[in-house]
Amino acid sequence: MPEHSWMEMVWFYKDKIQLACFALLFLFCLVRRLPAPECILAGLLFAMGPVDRLYHLAVGGAVLWHRANLGHLCIDALAMGCFFVIALKANRVYPLWIAGAQIIAMSGHFYRLALTEINTFAYDVMAITPSYIQLVALLLGVVFHMSRRKRLGSYPSWRIYSPPTQEMPAKISLGA
């Protein structure tokens, strides 16, 4: 029986390693009592793995339509909606990167639905690579947030929007 190199082992277990990284980040955010944007994003990214496994167990494989996995499409669509709400409301930049990476994952599903023939490698790259971008973005976001909080002190986690004013705007004369 041939021995496998450590690179082959890492490649074989890459999804489990990634899930463990998301779990550790989520636990770190909870233990350090980081603000809501970090905890919510870490929890969502971690939850996508177990939800995917539950989906495959529930349907006994995958539900395909035009060669696109509908379960993955639904999971990614729900995640994208949540990521966009957080990205637009959070007082941070890195959630925009997480939401942007999710657009790439969603476009992979749409390509799969729209095209009759798509390169499997291209589809896999579009579907899988964004999660690694999201892992790095979350990790860097947490590190930079903690550094910023140590340097500047506490700051709001969410953007503060001012209510619309009731004043009428000044009339502009366009000439006589």
Protein backbone atom coordinates (compact mmCIF):
# COMPACT_ATOMS: atom_id res chain seq x y z
CA MET A 1 0.00 0.00 0.00
CA PRO A 2 1.60 3.31 -1.07
CA GLU A 3 2.10 6.05 1.48
CA HIS A 4 0.47 9.36 0.78
CA SER A 5 2.36 12.63 1.04
CA TRP A 6 1.17 15.28 3.46
CA MET A 7 0.04 17.42 0.48
CA GLU A 8 -2.19 14.60 -0.76
CA MET A 9 -3.64 14.22 2.71
CA VAL A 10 -4.31 17.96 3.00
CA TRP A 11 -5.96 17.95 -0.44
CA PHE A 12 -8.11 14.95 0.48
CA TYR A 13 -9.26 16.51 3.77
CA LYS A 14 -9.41 20.14 2.58
CA ASP A 15 -13.16 20.49 3.17
CA LYS A 16 -12.86 19.12 6.71
CA ILE A 17 -9.88 21.38 7.42
CA GLN A 18 -11.80 24.38 6.12
CA LEU A 19 -14.84 23.52 8.24
CA ALA A 20 -12.58 23.18 11.28
CA CYS A 21 -11.09 26.62 10.53
CA PHE A 22 -14.56 28.16 10.31
CA ALA A 23 -15.55 26.43 13.56
CA LEU A 24 -12.44 27.72 15.33
CA LEU A 25 -13.05 31.25 14.06
CA PHE A 26 -16.67 31.09 15.19
CA LEU A 27 -15.68 29.82 18.65
CA PHE A 28 -12.96 32.47 18.86
CA CYS A 29 -15.51 35.20 18.09
CA LEU A 30 -17.86 33.86 20.75
CA VAL A 31 -15.20 33.36 23.43
CA ARG A 32 -13.64 36.79 22.84
CA ARG A 33 -17.16 38.30 22.77
CA LEU A 34 -16.52 40.07 19.51
CA PRO A 35 -19.29 42.32 18.18
CA ALA A 36 -22.27 41.03 16.23
CA PRO A 37 -20.93 41.39 12.66
CA GLU A 38 -17.98 39.10 13.37
CA CYS A 39 -20.04 36.54 15.28
CA ILE A 40 -22.86 36.47 12.73
CA LEU A 41 -20.53 36.14 9.73
CA ALA A 42 -18.42 33.48 11.42
CA GLY A 43 -21.57 31.59 12.43
CA LEU A 44 -23.05 31.75 8.93
CA LEU A 45 -19.84 30.62 7.25
CA PHE A 46 -19.48 27.77 9.74
CA ALA A 47 -23.15 26.74 9.46
CA MET A 48 -22.98 26.36 5.69
CA GLY A 49 -20.90 23.16 6.09
CA PRO A 50 -23.24 21.25 8.44
CA VAL A 51 -26.31 22.47 6.53
CA ASP A 52 -24.78 21.10 3.32
CA ARG A 53 -24.11 17.74 4.97
CA LEU A 54 -27.67 17.62 6.35
CA TYR A 55 -29.03 18.41 2.90
CA HIS A 56 -27.11 15.53 1.34
CA LEU A 57 -28.23 13.17 4.11
CA ALA A 58 -31.87 14.25 3.80
CA VAL A 59 -32.12 13.78 0.03
CA GLY A 60 -29.71 10.84 -0.17
CA GLY A 61 -27.28 12.54 -2.53
CA ALA A 62 -28.14 15.64 -4.53
CA VAL A 63 -31.10 17.19 -6.30
CA LEU A 64 -29.96 18.21 -9.78
CA TRP A 65 -31.75 20.37 -12.30
CA HIS A 66 -29.95 21.12 -15.58
CA ARG A 67 -26.81 19.71 -13.94
CA ALA A 68 -26.95 22.35 -11.16
CA ASN A 69 -27.23 21.20 -7.55
CA LEU A 70 -30.40 22.89 -6.27
CA GLY A 71 -29.50 22.33 -2.62
CA HIS A 72 -26.18 24.12 -3.03
CA LEU A 73 -27.94 26.84 -5.01
CA CYS A 74 -30.45 27.40 -2.18
CA ILE A 75 -27.78 27.35 0.55
CA ASP A 76 -25.61 29.81 -1.37
CA ALA A 77 -28.58 32.07 -2.17
CA LEU A 78 -29.63 32.26 1.49
CA ALA A 79 -26.04 32.91 2.54
CA MET A 80 -25.68 35.61 -0.10
CA GLY A 81 -28.78 37.38 1.16
CA CYS A 82 -27.49 37.33 4.72
CA PHE A 83 -23.98 38.41 3.69
CA PHE A 84 -25.34 41.36 1.70
CA VAL A 85 -27.52 42.61 4.56
CA ILE A 86 -24.56 42.43 6.94
CA ALA A 87 -22.19 43.99 4.38
CA LEU A 88 -24.52 46.95 3.88
CA LYS A 89 -25.24 47.50 7.58
CA ALA A 90 -21.92 46.64 9.28
CA ASN A 91 -19.42 49.37 10.05
CA ARG A 92 -16.62 47.35 8.43
CA VAL A 93 -15.19 46.76 4.96
CA TYR A 94 -14.39 43.05 5.01
CA PRO A 95 -18.05 41.90 4.89
CA LEU A 96 -18.13 43.42 1.40
CA TRP A 97 -15.37 40.99 0.39
CA ILE A 98 -17.30 38.08 1.85
CA ALA A 99 -20.47 39.12 0.01
CA GLY A 100 -18.50 39.72 -3.19
CA ALA A 101 -16.99 36.24 -3.03
CA GLN A 102 -20.50 34.86 -2.63
CA ILE A 103 -21.45 36.50 -5.95
CA ILE A 104 -18.77 34.36 -7.59
CA ALA A 105 -20.22 31.22 -6.00
CA MET A 106 -23.72 32.14 -7.18
CA SER A 107 -22.50 32.89 -10.70
CA GLY A 108 -21.13 29.35 -10.87
CA HIS A 109 -24.64 28.00 -10.30
CA PHE A 110 -26.11 30.35 -12.91
CA TYR A 111 -23.49 29.31 -15.47
CA ARG A 112 -24.30 25.72 -14.75
CA LEU A 113 -28.00 26.41 -15.33
CA ALA A 114 -27.52 28.56 -18.44
CA LEU A 115 -24.88 26.68 -20.38
CA THR A 116 -25.36 23.26 -21.85
CA GLU A 117 -21.67 22.51 -21.59
CA ILE A 118 -19.39 23.93 -18.91
CA ASN A 119 -15.92 22.83 -17.97
CA THR A 120 -16.18 20.90 -14.70
CA PHE A 121 -12.94 22.40 -13.39
CA ALA A 122 -14.21 25.93 -14.08
CA TYR A 123 -17.47 25.17 -12.29
CA ASP A 124 -15.64 23.67 -9.31
CA VAL A 125 -13.34 26.69 -9.08
CA MET A 126 -16.31 29.09 -9.18
CA ALA A 127 -18.21 27.09 -6.58
CA ILE A 128 -15.41 26.25 -4.14
CA THR A 129 -12.76 29.00 -4.32
CA PRO A 130 -15.02 31.75 -2.88
CA SER A 131 -15.22 29.91 0.44
CA TYR A 132 -11.43 30.14 0.79
CA ILE A 133 -11.58 33.86 -0.03
CA GLN A 134 -14.28 34.21 2.63
CA LEU A 135 -12.17 32.35 5.19
CA VAL A 136 -9.20 34.65 4.60
CA ALA A 137 -11.43 37.77 4.57
CA LEU A 138 -13.06 36.78 7.85
CA LEU A 139 -9.75 35.96 9.49
CA LEU A 140 -8.17 39.25 8.39
CA GLY A 141 -11.34 41.14 9.28
CA VAL A 142 -11.32 39.77 12.82
CA VAL A 143 -7.61 40.53 13.24
CA PHE A 144 -7.96 44.08 11.88
CA HIS A 145 -11.09 44.72 13.95
CA MET A 146 -9.31 43.67 17.14
CA SER A 147 -6.31 45.84 16.24
CA ARG A 148 -8.54 48.81 15.45
CA ARG A 149 -10.48 48.39 18.68
CA LYS A 150 -7.25 48.21 20.69
CA ARG A 151 -5.90 51.31 18.94
CA LEU A 152 -9.07 53.47 18.84
CA GLY A 153 -11.26 52.00 21.53
CA SER A 154 -14.85 50.99 21.10
CA TYR A 155 -16.67 52.03 17.95
CA PRO A 156 -20.14 51.26 16.57
CA SER A 157 -20.59 47.83 14.98
CA TRP A 158 -23.34 49.01 12.65
CA ARG A 159 -23.57 52.04 10.40
CA ILE A 160 -25.63 54.85 11.83
CA TYR A 161 -28.04 56.37 9.36
CA SER A 162 -29.52 59.76 10.09
CA PRO A 163 -33.27 60.10 9.65
CA PRO A 164 -34.40 62.10 6.63
CA THR A 165 -34.86 65.80 7.29
CA GLN A 166 -38.26 67.40 7.09
CA GLU A 167 -36.91 70.60 5.59
CA MET A 168 -37.78 71.49 2.03
CA PRO A 169 -34.72 71.86 -0.20
CA ALA A 170 -33.98 75.33 -1.47
CA LYS A 171 -35.47 76.05 -4.87
CA ILE A 172 -32.94 76.35 -7.63
CA SER A 173 -33.59 78.87 -10.32
CA LEU A 174 -32.50 77.71 -13.75
CA GLY A 175 -32.54 81.15 -15.30
CA ALA A 176 -35.22 83.47 -16.61
